[in-house]
Amino acid sequence: MPRTLHLIKHGRPRMVPGTPAHDWALAPDALGDLPALIDRLRPHPELVVSSEEPKAVATAQALAAALGTPHRRMLGLHEHLRYTTGFVSPEAFQAQVDRFFREPGALVMGEESADDARTRFRNAVHAVMQGNPQDTVAVVAHGTVISLLAAEGSGRDPAVLWRSLEFLGHVTLNWTAAAGRELRP
């Protein structure tokens, strides 16, 4: 019987030039649309798991509190590693991300290729789903890795998915133990 996995992008961060994006916290109004997200999540998650990045933890804690479900942190669910990528204009960042998705085996930006980020994130999500028996699980993570995983095997372009995945946006997957995961129709 398939289980449901909601991959949720964290709330809008407070961008701090000179500070790696992995360390950014949420912006003050980042969770205003949390009730709308909860309305879109069907079925509601029985467990919320997050990366250890501050913006994901804060989003997951608020979601879990609103749903009355437990929250856990999990290693490996972090965003594509890019500690050495400096703060650039939105246009330059978009160009870097487009190249990142176009050349998944290359080290385009930061310290991790798209292929490496997808493999690491997929393994962490598998561990979450194998280690927790709930029928519906939410993973609060990050746009790039969510897009890489959701596009895998679905025929969707991860760059297009990334551009469409807003803060507090989500992708829902059917999860089966035998098949791993498949995109919900």
Protein backbone atom coordinates (compact mmCIF):
# COMPACT_ATOMS: atom_id res chain seq x y z
CA MET A 1 0.00 0.00 0.00
CA PRO A 2 1.49 3.38 -0.95
CA ARG A 3 2.33 5.92 1.70
CA THR A 4 2.29 9.68 1.21
CA LEU A 5 5.39 11.85 1.33
CA HIS A 6 5.05 15.63 1.27
CA LEU A 7 8.28 17.40 0.33
CA ILE A 8 7.89 20.97 1.61
CA LYS A 9 10.11 23.95 0.89
CA HIS A 10 10.91 26.00 4.00
CA GLY A 11 9.50 29.48 4.59
CA ARG A 12 11.13 32.61 3.17
CA PRO A 13 14.54 33.22 4.77
CA ARG A 14 16.10 36.46 5.93
CA MET A 15 18.97 36.73 3.43
CA VAL A 16 22.18 37.92 5.05
CA PRO A 17 25.01 38.81 2.65
CA GLY A 18 28.29 37.35 3.87
CA THR A 19 26.51 34.53 5.73
CA PRO A 20 26.11 31.11 4.04
CA ALA A 21 22.51 30.39 3.05
CA HIS A 22 22.70 27.23 5.20
CA ASP A 23 22.80 29.49 8.27
CA TRP A 24 19.92 31.83 7.38
CA ALA A 25 16.91 32.03 9.68
CA LEU A 26 13.34 32.70 8.62
CA ALA A 27 12.21 36.21 7.74
CA PRO A 28 9.81 37.69 10.34
CA ASP A 29 6.69 37.11 8.20
CA ALA A 30 7.83 33.84 6.62
CA LEU A 31 5.08 31.62 8.05
CA GLY A 32 2.04 33.77 7.30
CA ASP A 33 0.90 31.29 4.63
CA LEU A 34 1.32 28.23 6.88
CA PRO A 35 -2.49 27.77 7.29
CA ALA A 36 -2.86 27.71 3.49
CA LEU A 37 -0.09 25.11 3.22
CA ILE A 38 -1.81 22.95 5.83
CA ASP A 39 -5.06 23.17 3.86
CA ARG A 40 -3.24 21.90 0.74
CA LEU A 41 -1.58 18.93 2.46
CA ARG A 42 -3.83 15.92 1.98
CA PRO A 43 -3.68 13.74 3.85
CA HIS A 44 -2.19 15.65 6.76
CA PRO A 45 1.23 14.42 7.87
CA GLU A 46 1.51 12.33 11.01
CA LEU A 47 5.21 13.18 11.32
CA VAL A 48 7.25 16.20 10.25
CA VAL A 49 10.97 15.73 9.58
CA SER A 50 13.34 18.52 8.64
CA SER A 51 16.88 19.26 7.64
CA GLU A 52 19.00 20.79 10.36
CA GLU A 53 19.21 24.20 8.68
CA PRO A 54 17.59 26.92 10.85
CA LYS A 55 14.99 27.98 8.26
CA ALA A 56 13.83 24.38 7.76
CA VAL A 57 13.79 23.60 11.49
CA ALA A 58 11.69 26.68 12.28
CA THR A 59 9.26 25.91 9.44
CA ALA A 60 8.93 22.27 10.51
CA GLN A 61 8.47 23.13 14.18
CA ALA A 62 5.64 25.54 13.32
CA LEU A 63 4.02 23.00 10.99
CA ALA A 64 4.28 20.18 13.53
CA ALA A 65 2.87 22.40 16.31
CA ALA A 66 -0.07 23.45 14.13
CA LEU A 67 -0.82 19.81 13.23
CA GLY A 68 -0.15 18.42 16.71
CA THR A 69 2.41 15.97 15.32
CA PRO A 70 6.01 15.22 16.28
CA HIS A 71 8.97 16.91 14.61
CA ARG A 72 12.37 15.31 14.08
CA ARG A 73 15.57 16.54 12.49
CA MET A 74 17.48 14.36 10.04
CA LEU A 75 20.99 14.54 8.68
CA GLY A 76 21.34 14.58 4.90
CA LEU A 77 18.21 16.62 4.15
CA HIS A 78 20.14 19.90 3.80
CA GLU A 79 20.28 22.04 0.69
CA HIS A 80 22.84 21.62 -2.06
CA LEU A 81 26.18 22.45 -0.44
CA ARG A 82 27.30 25.91 -1.49
CA TYR A 83 29.23 27.43 1.40
CA THR A 84 31.83 28.88 -0.98
CA THR A 85 29.28 30.46 -3.31
CA GLY A 86 29.23 34.16 -2.60
CA PHE A 87 26.16 36.37 -2.43
CA VAL A 88 25.32 37.32 -6.04
CA SER A 89 22.54 39.16 -7.82
CA PRO A 90 19.27 37.28 -8.38
CA GLU A 91 20.04 37.12 -12.12
CA ALA A 92 23.52 35.66 -11.56
CA PHE A 93 22.13 33.16 -9.05
CA GLN A 94 19.43 32.07 -11.53
CA ALA A 95 22.09 31.54 -14.19
CA GLN A 96 24.19 29.45 -11.78
CA VAL A 97 21.19 27.31 -10.82
CA ASP A 98 20.18 26.80 -14.45
CA ARG A 99 23.69 25.55 -15.22
CA PHE A 100 23.64 23.39 -12.05
CA PHE A 101 20.56 21.57 -13.36
CA ARG A 102 21.83 21.42 -16.98
CA GLU A 103 25.18 19.89 -15.97
CA PRO A 104 24.24 17.57 -13.09
CA GLY A 105 27.56 15.71 -12.99
CA ALA A 106 29.69 18.86 -12.87
CA LEU A 107 30.70 20.88 -9.86
CA VAL A 108 29.05 24.09 -11.02
CA MET A 109 28.53 26.06 -7.83
CA GLY A 110 29.52 25.29 -4.29
CA GLU A 111 30.89 21.97 -3.10
CA GLU A 112 28.38 19.45 -4.45
CA SER A 113 27.19 18.53 -7.94
CA ALA A 114 23.48 18.10 -8.66
CA ASP A 115 24.00 14.33 -8.95
CA ASP A 116 25.75 14.20 -5.57
CA ALA A 117 23.07 16.36 -3.91
CA ARG A 118 20.26 14.21 -5.36
CA THR A 119 21.90 10.98 -4.20
CA ARG A 120 22.53 12.30 -0.68
CA PHE A 121 19.00 13.72 -0.36
CA ARG A 122 17.39 10.56 -1.81
CA ASN A 123 19.29 8.40 0.69
CA ALA A 124 18.19 10.60 3.60
CA VAL A 125 14.55 10.55 2.47
CA HIS A 126 14.73 6.75 2.11
CA ALA A 127 16.07 6.56 5.67
CA VAL A 128 13.21 8.74 6.92
CA MET A 129 10.59 6.60 5.20
CA GLN A 130 12.17 3.29 6.22
CA GLY A 131 12.66 4.37 9.82
CA ASN A 132 9.18 5.73 10.46
CA PRO A 133 5.96 3.74 10.08
CA GLN A 134 3.53 6.65 9.61
CA ASP A 135 1.35 6.53 6.49
CA THR A 136 1.91 10.24 5.78
CA VAL A 137 5.22 12.01 6.37
CA ALA A 138 6.26 15.59 5.63
CA VAL A 139 9.90 16.44 4.96
CA VAL A 140 10.70 20.14 5.25
CA ALA A 141 13.77 20.80 3.17
CA HIS A 142 15.06 23.00 0.37
CA GLY A 143 14.07 23.87 -3.18
CA THR A 144 17.04 22.56 -5.10
CA VAL A 145 17.17 19.09 -3.54
CA ILE A 146 13.37 18.74 -3.52
CA SER A 147 13.33 19.57 -7.24
CA LEU A 148 16.11 17.10 -8.00
CA LEU A 149 14.35 14.24 -6.22
CA ALA A 150 10.83 15.03 -7.45
CA ALA A 151 12.04 15.28 -11.05
CA GLU A 152 13.91 11.98 -10.87
CA GLY A 153 11.97 9.32 -12.71
CA SER A 154 9.03 11.62 -13.46
CA GLY A 155 10.29 13.12 -16.69
CA ARG A 156 9.94 16.63 -15.25
CA ASP A 157 12.68 19.21 -15.71
CA PRO A 158 14.17 19.94 -12.26
CA ALA A 159 14.94 23.56 -13.25
CA VAL A 160 11.30 24.20 -14.16
CA LEU A 161 10.15 22.52 -10.97
CA TRP A 162 12.63 24.60 -8.92
CA ARG A 163 11.36 27.86 -10.45
CA SER A 164 7.75 26.90 -9.67
CA LEU A 165 8.38 25.76 -6.07
CA GLU A 166 7.61 28.77 -3.89
CA PHE A 167 8.46 29.17 -0.22
CA LEU A 168 6.05 26.91 1.72
CA GLY A 169 5.34 25.15 -1.57
CA HIS A 170 5.25 21.38 -1.73
CA VAL A 171 5.45 18.32 -3.93
CA THR A 172 3.55 15.20 -2.94
CA LEU A 173 4.85 11.72 -3.79
CA ASN A 174 3.34 8.29 -3.42
CA TRP A 175 5.84 6.15 -1.58
CA THR A 176 5.94 2.37 -1.84
CA ALA A 177 8.50 0.18 -0.12
CA ALA A 178 9.15 -1.89 -3.24
CA ALA A 179 9.40 0.92 -5.78
CA GLY A 180 10.99 3.54 -3.57
CA ARG A 181 8.94 6.52 -4.65
CA GLU A 182 6.96 7.73 -7.59
CA LEU A 183 5.39 11.06 -8.42
CA ARG A 184 1.71 11.23 -7.59
CA PRO A 185 -0.37 11.64 -10.76
